[in-house]
N, C-alpha and C. Protein backbone atom coordinates (compact mmCIF):
# COMPACT_ATOMS: atom_id res chain seq x y z
N UNK A 1 1.66 -10.96 -12.56
CA UNK A 1 1.37 -9.54 -12.51
C UNK A 1 2.18 -8.86 -11.41
N UNK A 2 2.22 -9.46 -10.21
CA UNK A 2 2.96 -8.89 -9.10
C UNK A 2 4.43 -8.77 -9.45
N UNK A 3 4.98 -9.79 -10.13
CA UNK A 3 6.39 -9.74 -10.51
C UNK A 3 6.67 -8.55 -11.41
N UNK A 4 5.79 -8.29 -12.37
CA UNK A 4 5.98 -7.17 -13.29
C UNK A 4 5.88 -5.85 -12.53
N UNK A 5 4.92 -5.74 -11.63
CA UNK A 5 4.79 -4.52 -10.83
C UNK A 5 6.04 -4.27 -10.02
N UNK A 6 6.57 -5.30 -9.39
CA UNK A 6 7.75 -5.13 -8.57
C UNK A 6 8.96 -4.77 -9.42
N UNK A 7 9.11 -5.39 -10.56
CA UNK A 7 10.24 -5.08 -11.42
C UNK A 7 10.17 -3.64 -11.88
N UNK A 8 8.99 -3.17 -12.26
CA UNK A 8 8.84 -1.80 -12.74
C UNK A 8 9.02 -0.79 -11.63
N UNK A 9 8.61 -1.12 -10.43
CA UNK A 9 8.65 -0.16 -9.34
C UNK A 9 9.97 -0.14 -8.60
N UNK A 10 10.76 -1.19 -8.71
CA UNK A 10 11.96 -1.27 -7.90
C UNK A 10 12.97 -0.18 -8.21
N UNK A 11 13.01 0.30 -9.44
CA UNK A 11 13.93 1.38 -9.75
C UNK A 11 13.55 2.64 -9.01
N UNK A 12 12.28 2.92 -8.87
CA UNK A 12 11.84 4.10 -8.14
C UNK A 12 12.14 3.99 -6.66
N UNK A 13 12.05 2.80 -6.11
CA UNK A 13 12.29 2.60 -4.69
C UNK A 13 13.78 2.62 -4.35
N UNK A 14 14.62 2.33 -5.30
CA UNK A 14 16.03 2.16 -5.02
C UNK A 14 16.70 3.42 -4.50
N UNK A 15 16.20 4.58 -4.83
CA UNK A 15 16.85 5.81 -4.44
C UNK A 15 16.46 6.28 -3.04
N UNK A 16 15.49 5.66 -2.43
CA UNK A 16 15.02 6.11 -1.12
C UNK A 16 16.05 5.79 -0.05
N UNK A 17 16.22 6.69 0.94
CA UNK A 17 17.22 6.46 1.99
C UNK A 17 16.77 5.40 2.98
N UNK A 18 17.74 4.80 3.65
CA UNK A 18 17.45 3.86 4.71
C UNK A 18 18.06 4.36 6.00
N UNK A 19 17.48 3.97 7.11
CA UNK A 19 18.04 4.32 8.40
C UNK A 19 18.60 3.06 9.04
N UNK A 20 19.65 3.20 9.80
CA UNK A 20 20.33 2.04 10.37
C UNK A 20 19.50 1.41 11.48
N UNK A 21 19.27 0.12 11.40
CA UNK A 21 18.55 -0.65 12.43
C UNK A 21 19.55 -1.51 13.19
N UNK A 22 20.44 -2.15 12.49
CA UNK A 22 21.38 -3.07 13.12
C UNK A 22 22.73 -2.95 12.43
N UNK A 23 23.75 -3.45 13.08
CA UNK A 23 25.09 -3.45 12.49
C UNK A 23 25.11 -4.37 11.27
N UNK A 24 25.97 -4.08 10.30
CA UNK A 24 26.06 -4.96 9.12
C UNK A 24 26.33 -6.40 9.52
N UNK A 25 25.73 -7.31 8.80
CA UNK A 25 25.81 -8.73 9.10
C UNK A 25 26.52 -9.47 7.96
N UNK A 26 26.91 -10.70 8.26
CA UNK A 26 27.37 -11.61 7.21
C UNK A 26 26.15 -12.39 6.76
N UNK A 27 25.74 -12.16 5.55
CA UNK A 27 24.54 -12.81 5.03
C UNK A 27 24.92 -13.98 4.14
N UNK A 28 24.07 -15.00 4.13
CA UNK A 28 24.31 -16.18 3.31
C UNK A 28 22.98 -16.71 2.79
N UNK A 29 23.05 -17.36 1.65
CA UNK A 29 21.86 -17.98 1.07
C UNK A 29 21.30 -19.00 2.05
N UNK A 30 19.98 -19.02 2.17
CA UNK A 30 19.31 -19.96 3.04
C UNK A 30 19.01 -19.42 4.43
N UNK A 31 19.64 -18.31 4.81
CA UNK A 31 19.37 -17.75 6.13
C UNK A 31 17.94 -17.23 6.22
N UNK A 32 17.34 -17.41 7.39
CA UNK A 32 16.01 -16.88 7.68
C UNK A 32 16.17 -15.90 8.83
N UNK A 33 15.53 -14.73 8.69
CA UNK A 33 15.66 -13.66 9.67
C UNK A 33 14.30 -13.13 10.10
N UNK A 34 14.24 -12.71 11.36
CA UNK A 34 13.17 -11.83 11.79
C UNK A 34 13.59 -10.43 11.35
N UNK A 35 12.62 -9.56 11.16
CA UNK A 35 12.95 -8.20 10.75
C UNK A 35 11.96 -7.24 11.39
N UNK A 36 12.27 -5.96 11.34
CA UNK A 36 11.38 -4.94 11.88
C UNK A 36 10.17 -4.83 10.96
N UNK A 37 9.08 -5.44 11.37
CA UNK A 37 7.90 -5.58 10.52
C UNK A 37 6.95 -4.39 10.68
N UNK A 38 6.02 -4.33 9.75
CA UNK A 38 4.88 -3.44 9.94
C UNK A 38 4.01 -4.08 11.02
N UNK A 39 3.15 -3.30 11.66
CA UNK A 39 2.30 -3.82 12.74
C UNK A 39 1.51 -5.04 12.29
N UNK A 40 0.93 -4.99 11.11
CA UNK A 40 0.09 -6.09 10.63
C UNK A 40 0.88 -7.34 10.24
N UNK A 41 2.20 -7.24 10.18
CA UNK A 41 3.02 -8.36 9.75
C UNK A 41 3.83 -9.00 10.89
N UNK A 42 3.45 -8.74 12.12
CA UNK A 42 4.17 -9.31 13.26
C UNK A 42 4.31 -10.82 13.07
N UNK A 43 5.52 -11.31 13.26
CA UNK A 43 5.79 -12.74 13.07
C UNK A 43 6.25 -13.09 11.67
N UNK A 44 6.20 -12.14 10.76
CA UNK A 44 6.67 -12.35 9.38
C UNK A 44 8.17 -12.63 9.39
N UNK A 45 8.62 -13.41 8.41
CA UNK A 45 10.04 -13.76 8.29
C UNK A 45 10.54 -13.48 6.88
N UNK A 46 11.84 -13.27 6.76
CA UNK A 46 12.47 -13.06 5.46
C UNK A 46 13.57 -14.11 5.28
N UNK A 47 13.66 -14.65 4.07
CA UNK A 47 14.69 -15.64 3.76
C UNK A 47 15.53 -15.15 2.59
N UNK A 48 16.83 -15.28 2.74
CA UNK A 48 17.75 -14.95 1.64
C UNK A 48 17.79 -16.16 0.72
N UNK A 49 17.19 -16.01 -0.46
CA UNK A 49 17.11 -17.12 -1.40
C UNK A 49 18.36 -17.25 -2.26
N UNK A 50 18.89 -16.11 -2.70
CA UNK A 50 20.04 -16.14 -3.60
C UNK A 50 20.79 -14.83 -3.45
N UNK A 51 22.13 -14.91 -3.58
CA UNK A 51 22.97 -13.71 -3.56
C UNK A 51 23.71 -13.65 -4.88
N UNK A 52 23.62 -12.51 -5.55
CA UNK A 52 24.34 -12.29 -6.80
C UNK A 52 25.14 -10.99 -6.68
N UNK A 53 26.14 -10.87 -7.50
CA UNK A 53 26.92 -9.62 -7.55
C UNK A 53 26.54 -8.91 -8.84
N UNK A 54 26.06 -7.68 -8.71
CA UNK A 54 25.70 -6.84 -9.85
C UNK A 54 26.44 -5.52 -9.71
N UNK A 55 27.18 -5.14 -10.72
CA UNK A 55 27.96 -3.89 -10.69
C UNK A 55 28.84 -3.81 -9.44
N UNK A 56 29.42 -4.95 -9.04
CA UNK A 56 30.34 -4.98 -7.92
C UNK A 56 29.70 -4.98 -6.55
N UNK A 57 28.37 -4.99 -6.48
CA UNK A 57 27.68 -4.96 -5.18
C UNK A 57 26.76 -6.17 -5.07
N UNK A 58 26.59 -6.69 -3.86
CA UNK A 58 25.69 -7.84 -3.69
C UNK A 58 24.23 -7.44 -3.83
N UNK A 59 23.48 -8.32 -4.48
CA UNK A 59 22.02 -8.21 -4.55
C UNK A 59 21.49 -9.43 -3.84
N UNK A 60 20.62 -9.21 -2.87
CA UNK A 60 20.03 -10.28 -2.09
C UNK A 60 18.61 -10.50 -2.59
N UNK A 61 18.36 -11.67 -3.13
CA UNK A 61 17.03 -12.03 -3.60
C UNK A 61 16.34 -12.71 -2.42
N UNK A 62 15.35 -12.03 -1.85
CA UNK A 62 14.71 -12.53 -0.64
C UNK A 62 13.24 -12.84 -0.89
N UNK A 63 12.71 -13.69 -0.02
CA UNK A 63 11.28 -14.00 0.05
C UNK A 63 10.80 -13.60 1.43
N UNK A 64 9.53 -13.19 1.50
CA UNK A 64 8.95 -12.78 2.77
C UNK A 64 7.65 -13.56 2.97
N UNK A 65 7.48 -14.16 4.15
CA UNK A 65 6.24 -14.86 4.46
C UNK A 65 5.55 -14.17 5.63
N UNK A 66 4.25 -14.39 5.74
CA UNK A 66 3.49 -13.82 6.85
C UNK A 66 3.14 -12.36 6.66
N UNK A 67 3.03 -11.93 5.40
CA UNK A 67 2.71 -10.54 5.09
C UNK A 67 1.20 -10.41 4.96
N UNK A 68 0.64 -9.33 5.47
CA UNK A 68 -0.80 -9.07 5.39
C UNK A 68 -1.02 -7.84 4.52
N UNK A 69 -1.58 -8.04 3.34
CA UNK A 69 -1.86 -6.92 2.45
C UNK A 69 -3.29 -6.44 2.65
N UNK A 70 -3.54 -5.19 2.38
CA UNK A 70 -4.83 -4.54 2.67
C UNK A 70 -6.01 -5.26 2.03
N UNK A 71 -5.87 -5.74 0.82
CA UNK A 71 -6.99 -6.37 0.11
C UNK A 71 -7.05 -7.88 0.30
N UNK A 72 -6.39 -8.38 1.33
CA UNK A 72 -6.40 -9.82 1.59
C UNK A 72 -6.69 -10.07 3.06
N UNK A 73 -7.54 -11.03 3.33
CA UNK A 73 -7.86 -11.40 4.70
C UNK A 73 -6.79 -12.31 5.31
N UNK A 74 -6.00 -12.93 4.47
CA UNK A 74 -5.04 -13.92 4.93
C UNK A 74 -3.61 -13.42 4.81
N UNK A 75 -2.74 -14.02 5.61
CA UNK A 75 -1.32 -13.76 5.46
C UNK A 75 -0.88 -14.30 4.11
N UNK A 76 0.12 -13.69 3.55
CA UNK A 76 0.54 -14.06 2.21
C UNK A 76 2.06 -14.15 2.15
N UNK A 77 2.51 -14.58 1.00
CA UNK A 77 3.94 -14.69 0.72
C UNK A 77 4.31 -13.75 -0.41
N UNK A 78 5.40 -13.05 -0.24
CA UNK A 78 5.98 -12.26 -1.32
C UNK A 78 7.22 -13.03 -1.75
N UNK A 79 7.16 -13.72 -2.88
CA UNK A 79 8.23 -14.66 -3.22
C UNK A 79 9.56 -14.02 -3.59
N UNK A 80 9.56 -12.78 -4.13
CA UNK A 80 10.83 -12.23 -4.59
C UNK A 80 10.89 -10.72 -4.43
N UNK A 81 11.89 -10.30 -3.70
CA UNK A 81 12.27 -8.89 -3.62
C UNK A 81 13.78 -8.83 -3.76
N UNK A 82 14.29 -8.07 -4.71
CA UNK A 82 15.74 -7.88 -4.80
C UNK A 82 16.13 -6.69 -3.93
N UNK A 83 16.97 -6.94 -2.91
CA UNK A 83 17.30 -5.89 -1.95
C UNK A 83 18.81 -5.74 -1.80
N UNK A 84 19.20 -4.60 -1.26
CA UNK A 84 20.61 -4.30 -1.01
C UNK A 84 21.02 -4.75 0.39
N UNK A 85 22.32 -4.75 0.63
CA UNK A 85 22.82 -5.04 1.97
C UNK A 85 22.31 -3.98 2.94
N UNK A 86 22.20 -2.74 2.49
CA UNK A 86 21.70 -1.66 3.34
C UNK A 86 20.26 -1.94 3.79
N UNK A 87 19.46 -2.50 2.89
CA UNK A 87 18.08 -2.86 3.26
C UNK A 87 18.09 -3.91 4.36
N UNK A 88 18.89 -4.94 4.19
CA UNK A 88 18.94 -5.98 5.22
C UNK A 88 19.50 -5.43 6.53
N UNK A 89 20.57 -4.64 6.44
CA UNK A 89 21.17 -4.07 7.65
C UNK A 89 20.17 -3.22 8.41
N UNK A 90 19.32 -2.49 7.69
CA UNK A 90 18.35 -1.59 8.33
C UNK A 90 17.09 -2.32 8.78
N UNK A 91 16.94 -3.59 8.39
CA UNK A 91 15.68 -4.30 8.63
C UNK A 91 15.79 -5.49 9.55
N UNK A 92 16.79 -6.35 9.34
CA UNK A 92 16.82 -7.61 10.08
C UNK A 92 17.17 -7.38 11.55
N UNK A 93 16.60 -8.23 12.40
CA UNK A 93 16.82 -8.09 13.84
C UNK A 93 17.42 -9.33 14.47
N UNK A 94 17.10 -10.51 13.94
CA UNK A 94 17.56 -11.74 14.57
C UNK A 94 17.50 -12.89 13.58
N UNK A 95 18.59 -13.64 13.46
CA UNK A 95 18.60 -14.82 12.60
C UNK A 95 17.87 -15.95 13.31
N UNK A 96 17.02 -16.66 12.56
CA UNK A 96 16.24 -17.75 13.14
C UNK A 96 16.44 -19.03 12.34
N UNK A 97 16.00 -20.14 12.89
CA UNK A 97 16.08 -21.43 12.21
C UNK A 97 14.67 -21.88 11.88
N UNK A 98 14.09 -21.27 10.86
CA UNK A 98 12.71 -21.59 10.50
C UNK A 98 12.58 -21.82 9.01
N UNK A 99 13.56 -22.48 8.42
CA UNK A 99 13.55 -22.66 6.98
C UNK A 99 12.36 -23.46 6.48
N UNK A 100 11.80 -24.32 7.31
CA UNK A 100 10.67 -25.13 6.91
C UNK A 100 9.46 -24.29 6.52
N UNK A 101 9.36 -23.08 7.09
CA UNK A 101 8.24 -22.19 6.78
C UNK A 101 8.26 -21.76 5.32
N UNK A 102 9.39 -21.87 4.67
CA UNK A 102 9.55 -21.47 3.27
C UNK A 102 9.59 -22.70 2.36
N UNK A 103 9.01 -23.79 2.78
CA UNK A 103 9.09 -25.05 2.06
C UNK A 103 8.75 -24.91 0.58
N UNK A 104 9.64 -25.44 -0.24
CA UNK A 104 9.43 -25.55 -1.70
C UNK A 104 9.10 -24.23 -2.39
N UNK A 105 9.57 -23.13 -1.86
CA UNK A 105 9.35 -21.84 -2.50
C UNK A 105 10.49 -21.59 -3.48
N UNK A 106 10.18 -21.64 -4.77
CA UNK A 106 11.19 -21.45 -5.80
C UNK A 106 11.09 -20.03 -6.36
N UNK A 107 12.22 -19.37 -6.48
CA UNK A 107 12.24 -18.00 -6.99
C UNK A 107 13.06 -17.86 -8.27
N UNK A 108 13.51 -18.96 -8.82
CA UNK A 108 14.37 -18.90 -10.01
C UNK A 108 13.68 -18.18 -11.18
N UNK A 109 12.40 -18.46 -11.42
CA UNK A 109 11.69 -17.80 -12.53
C UNK A 109 11.56 -16.30 -12.26
N UNK A 110 11.31 -15.93 -11.02
CA UNK A 110 11.21 -14.51 -10.67
C UNK A 110 12.54 -13.80 -10.87
N UNK A 111 13.63 -14.45 -10.47
CA UNK A 111 14.96 -13.85 -10.65
C UNK A 111 15.29 -13.73 -12.12
N UNK A 112 14.95 -14.73 -12.91
CA UNK A 112 15.20 -14.67 -14.36
C UNK A 112 14.42 -13.51 -14.98
N UNK A 113 13.16 -13.34 -14.57
CA UNK A 113 12.36 -12.22 -15.08
C UNK A 113 12.95 -10.89 -14.65
N UNK A 114 13.43 -10.80 -13.42
CA UNK A 114 14.08 -9.59 -12.91
C UNK A 114 15.28 -9.23 -13.78
N UNK A 115 16.09 -10.23 -14.15
CA UNK A 115 17.23 -10.00 -15.04
C UNK A 115 16.75 -9.53 -16.41
N UNK A 116 15.72 -10.17 -16.93
CA UNK A 116 15.21 -9.86 -18.27
C UNK A 116 14.74 -8.41 -18.38
N UNK A 117 14.10 -7.90 -17.33
CA UNK A 117 13.58 -6.52 -17.38
C UNK A 117 14.55 -5.51 -16.78
N UNK A 118 15.78 -5.97 -16.47
CA UNK A 118 16.78 -5.10 -15.85
C UNK A 118 16.22 -4.41 -14.61
N UNK A 119 15.63 -5.23 -13.73
CA UNK A 119 15.02 -4.70 -12.51
C UNK A 119 16.02 -4.04 -11.59
N UNK A 120 15.52 -3.20 -10.74
CA UNK A 120 16.36 -2.47 -9.78
C UNK A 120 16.53 -3.25 -8.49
N UNK A 121 17.21 -2.61 -7.55
CA UNK A 121 17.47 -3.19 -6.25
C UNK A 121 16.92 -2.24 -5.19
N UNK A 122 16.10 -2.77 -4.31
CA UNK A 122 15.50 -1.94 -3.27
C UNK A 122 16.54 -1.56 -2.23
N UNK A 123 16.49 -0.30 -1.80
CA UNK A 123 17.39 0.14 -0.75
C UNK A 123 16.62 0.83 0.37
N UNK A 124 15.35 0.48 0.51
CA UNK A 124 14.53 0.95 1.62
C UNK A 124 14.36 -0.21 2.60
N UNK A 125 13.85 0.06 3.78
CA UNK A 125 13.63 -1.03 4.72
C UNK A 125 12.60 -2.00 4.14
N UNK A 126 12.61 -3.21 4.64
CA UNK A 126 11.62 -4.19 4.19
C UNK A 126 10.21 -3.73 4.51
N UNK A 127 10.00 -3.12 5.67
CA UNK A 127 8.67 -2.62 6.03
C UNK A 127 8.20 -1.57 5.03
N UNK A 128 9.07 -0.66 4.63
CA UNK A 128 8.72 0.37 3.64
C UNK A 128 8.43 -0.28 2.29
N UNK A 129 9.25 -1.24 1.88
CA UNK A 129 9.02 -1.93 0.62
C UNK A 129 7.67 -2.63 0.62
N UNK A 130 7.31 -3.28 1.73
CA UNK A 130 6.02 -3.97 1.81
C UNK A 130 4.87 -2.98 1.79
N UNK A 131 5.04 -1.83 2.42
CA UNK A 131 4.01 -0.78 2.31
C UNK A 131 3.82 -0.37 0.86
N UNK A 132 4.92 -0.18 0.15
CA UNK A 132 4.85 0.24 -1.25
C UNK A 132 4.17 -0.83 -2.12
N UNK A 133 4.49 -2.10 -1.88
CA UNK A 133 3.84 -3.19 -2.61
C UNK A 133 2.34 -3.19 -2.30
N UNK A 134 1.99 -3.00 -1.03
CA UNK A 134 0.59 -2.96 -0.62
C UNK A 134 -0.17 -1.86 -1.37
N UNK A 135 0.43 -0.70 -1.48
CA UNK A 135 -0.19 0.42 -2.22
C UNK A 135 -0.36 0.05 -3.69
N UNK A 136 0.66 -0.55 -4.30
CA UNK A 136 0.57 -0.94 -5.72
C UNK A 136 -0.52 -1.97 -5.94
N UNK A 137 -0.61 -2.95 -5.05
CA UNK A 137 -1.64 -3.98 -5.20
C UNK A 137 -3.03 -3.38 -5.03
N UNK A 138 -3.19 -2.44 -4.14
CA UNK A 138 -4.47 -1.77 -3.95
C UNK A 138 -4.86 -1.00 -5.20
N UNK A 139 -3.89 -0.32 -5.81
CA UNK A 139 -4.17 0.42 -7.05
C UNK A 139 -4.61 -0.52 -8.16
N UNK A 140 -3.93 -1.65 -8.29
CA UNK A 140 -4.28 -2.62 -9.33
C UNK A 140 -5.68 -3.16 -9.10
N UNK A 141 -6.02 -3.44 -7.84
CA UNK A 141 -7.35 -3.97 -7.52
C UNK A 141 -8.45 -2.94 -7.74
N UNK A 142 -8.17 -1.66 -7.47
CA UNK A 142 -9.20 -0.63 -7.60
C UNK A 142 -9.21 0.03 -8.96
N UNK A 143 -8.13 -0.07 -9.71
CA UNK A 143 -8.03 0.52 -11.04
C UNK A 143 -7.52 -0.52 -12.02
N UNK A 144 -8.26 -1.60 -12.29
CA UNK A 144 -7.74 -2.70 -13.09
C UNK A 144 -7.40 -2.32 -14.53
N UNK A 145 -8.00 -1.28 -15.06
CA UNK A 145 -7.73 -0.91 -16.43
C UNK A 145 -6.54 0.04 -16.56
N UNK A 146 -5.97 0.45 -15.44
CA UNK A 146 -4.85 1.37 -15.46
C UNK A 146 -3.54 0.59 -15.58
N UNK A 147 -2.59 1.13 -16.30
CA UNK A 147 -1.27 0.54 -16.39
C UNK A 147 -0.44 1.11 -15.27
N UNK A 148 0.18 0.24 -14.47
CA UNK A 148 1.00 0.70 -13.36
C UNK A 148 2.44 0.73 -13.86
N UNK A 149 3.02 1.91 -13.83
CA UNK A 149 4.42 2.06 -14.25
C UNK A 149 5.06 3.14 -13.42
N UNK A 150 6.38 3.07 -13.32
CA UNK A 150 7.11 4.08 -12.56
C UNK A 150 7.72 5.08 -13.50
């Protein structure tokens, strides 16, 4: 369900502006980064799972761990967000060596589904994207009979 919500909503998020946080970086698959988190997500990390080129631009398929959503008491994992270089440039703060925290997290099925539904690419900061996901999850939990679409 979360994958479908993210695929449907990513096109709406893609047009939002980003503000510069850090200078552009050289990104590679497998890198783990600290990023400018929301207050409730302090200590959260992002990992670049896969890099693809779509329409001549890189798409970074990332996973985020240590996220706290409003309707959950526990930290959670967001396995797949397709983001732009601008999103990473505006969000990441420091590369870390904490790949073990993402142990055995596979995103291939999520990426395949993203391709199947022609999903968009987020160009907002990671903190903004997580806020938007939090709002969508809250709507689904409070309005289960409603169809969430952008």
